[in-house]
Amino acid sequence: DWVRAQEAAWAALPAPRPGWGYHSQSIAGALFRAALDGGGREAAAVWHAAHKAALGAPNDPGLALDGAELALARGDRAAAEAAVAALFKAFGRRPFAGRNPRLFELLGGTGP
C-alpha cells in the first residue's frame, strides 16, 4: 500500500516531475530504496534515474553510493568497486557513514 501511495504521489506531481524539489527528490529516493530492498533491480534503476534527475546533482555522493548498491544488486561488482573507490578518494570515509557496510568493504575496509 505504501508503494502504491508513493507512486500515486509521484503521478500527481505536475510535469516535469523532477522539477518539484524536495517532493520529487523524497518520493523518487524512497521508491528507489523500496525497490532495491524488495529485490526489484529494474524498478530500482528507474527510480535511481528519477532521483538523480530530481536532485539535479549528478555528482552527489549519496546518489553514487545508491548507484554502487544497485550495481552490487545487479552483480556488477567492478562498477560498484569503481564508484566506491572514486568516492573514497574524493571524500574519505564520510559518505559511507550509516550506509550499507558492504560498500566500504569493497575497499578492503571494515566499515566507517
Protein backbone atom coordinates (compact mmCIF):
# COMPACT_ATOMS: atom_id res chain seq x y z
CA ASP A 1 0.00 0.00 0.00
CA TRP A 2 2.83 2.40 0.85
CA VAL A 3 4.49 1.88 -2.53
CA ARG A 4 1.21 2.46 -4.35
CA ALA A 5 0.65 5.64 -2.35
CA GLN A 6 4.14 6.91 -3.22
CA GLU A 7 3.65 6.07 -6.89
CA ALA A 8 0.32 7.94 -6.81
CA ALA A 9 2.05 10.93 -5.21
CA TRP A 10 4.69 10.85 -7.96
CA ALA A 11 1.99 10.67 -10.64
CA ALA A 12 0.19 13.63 -9.04
CA LEU A 13 3.20 15.91 -9.45
CA PRO A 14 2.80 18.19 -12.47
CA ALA A 15 5.28 17.73 -15.30
CA PRO A 16 8.19 17.94 -15.28
CA ARG A 17 8.10 15.77 -12.16
CA PRO A 18 11.83 16.01 -11.35
CA GLY A 19 11.49 19.77 -11.04
CA TRP A 20 9.45 19.69 -7.84
CA GLY A 21 12.38 19.95 -5.45
CA TYR A 22 12.00 18.20 -2.13
CA HIS A 23 8.79 16.45 -3.15
CA SER A 24 10.17 14.74 -6.23
CA GLN A 25 13.51 14.07 -4.52
CA SER A 26 11.99 12.38 -1.49
CA ILE A 27 9.45 10.33 -3.44
CA ALA A 28 11.95 9.09 -6.02
CA GLY A 29 14.55 8.36 -3.35
CA ALA A 30 12.08 6.45 -1.20
CA LEU A 31 10.82 4.42 -4.14
CA PHE A 32 14.40 3.63 -5.16
CA ARG A 33 15.15 2.31 -1.68
CA ALA A 34 11.90 0.32 -1.51
CA ALA A 35 12.54 -1.27 -4.90
CA LEU A 36 16.16 -2.11 -4.10
CA ASP A 37 15.33 -3.50 -0.66
CA GLY A 38 12.49 -5.51 -2.20
CA GLY A 39 14.72 -7.05 -4.86
CA GLY A 40 13.26 -5.08 -7.78
CA ARG A 41 16.51 -4.22 -9.51
CA GLU A 42 14.93 -2.87 -12.69
CA ALA A 43 12.44 -0.72 -10.78
CA ALA A 44 15.30 0.48 -8.59
CA ALA A 45 17.23 1.53 -11.70
CA VAL A 46 14.23 3.53 -12.94
CA TRP A 47 13.78 5.26 -9.57
CA HIS A 48 17.52 5.88 -9.25
CA ALA A 49 17.44 7.75 -12.57
CA ALA A 50 14.37 9.71 -11.42
CA HIS A 51 16.08 10.57 -8.13
CA LYS A 52 19.20 11.72 -9.97
CA ALA A 53 17.07 13.93 -12.25
CA ALA A 54 15.15 15.32 -9.27
CA LEU A 55 18.30 16.20 -7.34
CA GLY A 56 19.93 17.81 -10.34
CA ALA A 57 23.30 16.92 -8.84
CA PRO A 58 24.77 14.00 -10.77
CA ASN A 59 27.93 14.04 -8.61
CA ASP A 60 26.08 13.72 -5.29
CA PRO A 61 27.91 11.19 -3.06
CA GLY A 62 24.65 9.68 -1.83
CA LEU A 63 23.49 9.05 -5.37
CA ALA A 64 26.83 7.49 -6.21
CA LEU A 65 26.53 5.15 -3.22
CA ASP A 66 22.99 4.28 -4.27
CA GLY A 67 24.35 3.50 -7.73
CA ALA A 68 27.04 1.30 -6.20
CA GLU A 69 24.41 -0.60 -4.21
CA LEU A 70 22.37 -1.06 -7.36
CA ALA A 71 25.44 -2.31 -9.22
CA LEU A 72 26.08 -4.85 -6.44
CA ALA A 73 22.45 -5.99 -6.57
CA ARG A 74 22.82 -6.48 -10.33
CA GLY A 75 26.01 -8.47 -9.84
CA ASP A 76 28.31 -5.82 -11.29
CA ARG A 77 30.97 -5.76 -8.60
CA ALA A 78 33.50 -3.95 -10.82
CA ALA A 79 31.16 -0.96 -11.29
CA ALA A 80 30.41 -0.88 -7.57
CA GLU A 81 34.11 -1.01 -6.70
CA ALA A 82 34.92 1.81 -9.14
CA ALA A 83 32.19 4.04 -7.71
CA VAL A 84 33.22 3.35 -4.13
CA ALA A 85 36.91 3.92 -4.86
CA ALA A 86 36.17 7.27 -6.53
CA LEU A 87 34.05 8.39 -3.58
CA PHE A 88 36.66 7.32 -1.05
CA LYS A 89 39.36 9.18 -2.98
CA ALA A 90 37.25 12.35 -3.14
CA PHE A 91 35.64 12.34 0.31
CA GLY A 92 37.33 9.77 2.53
CA ARG A 93 35.14 7.75 4.91
CA ARG A 94 32.48 10.43 5.42
CA PRO A 95 29.94 9.36 2.72
CA PHE A 96 29.97 5.77 3.99
CA ALA A 97 28.71 6.55 7.49
CA GLY A 98 25.32 4.98 8.08
CA ARG A 99 25.36 3.20 4.73
CA ASN A 100 25.49 -0.44 3.75
CA PRO A 101 28.81 -1.68 5.22
CA ARG A 102 29.29 -3.90 2.16
CA LEU A 103 30.11 -0.76 0.19
CA PHE A 104 33.08 0.21 2.33
CA GLU A 105 34.19 -3.42 2.44
CA LEU A 106 34.69 -3.22 -1.35
CA LEU A 107 37.77 -1.17 -0.49
CA GLY A 108 39.06 -3.85 1.83
CA GLY A 109 37.99 -1.90 4.93
CA THR A 110 35.76 -3.00 7.74
CA GLY A 111 33.38 -0.06 7.62
CA PRO A 112 33.40 3.58 8.65
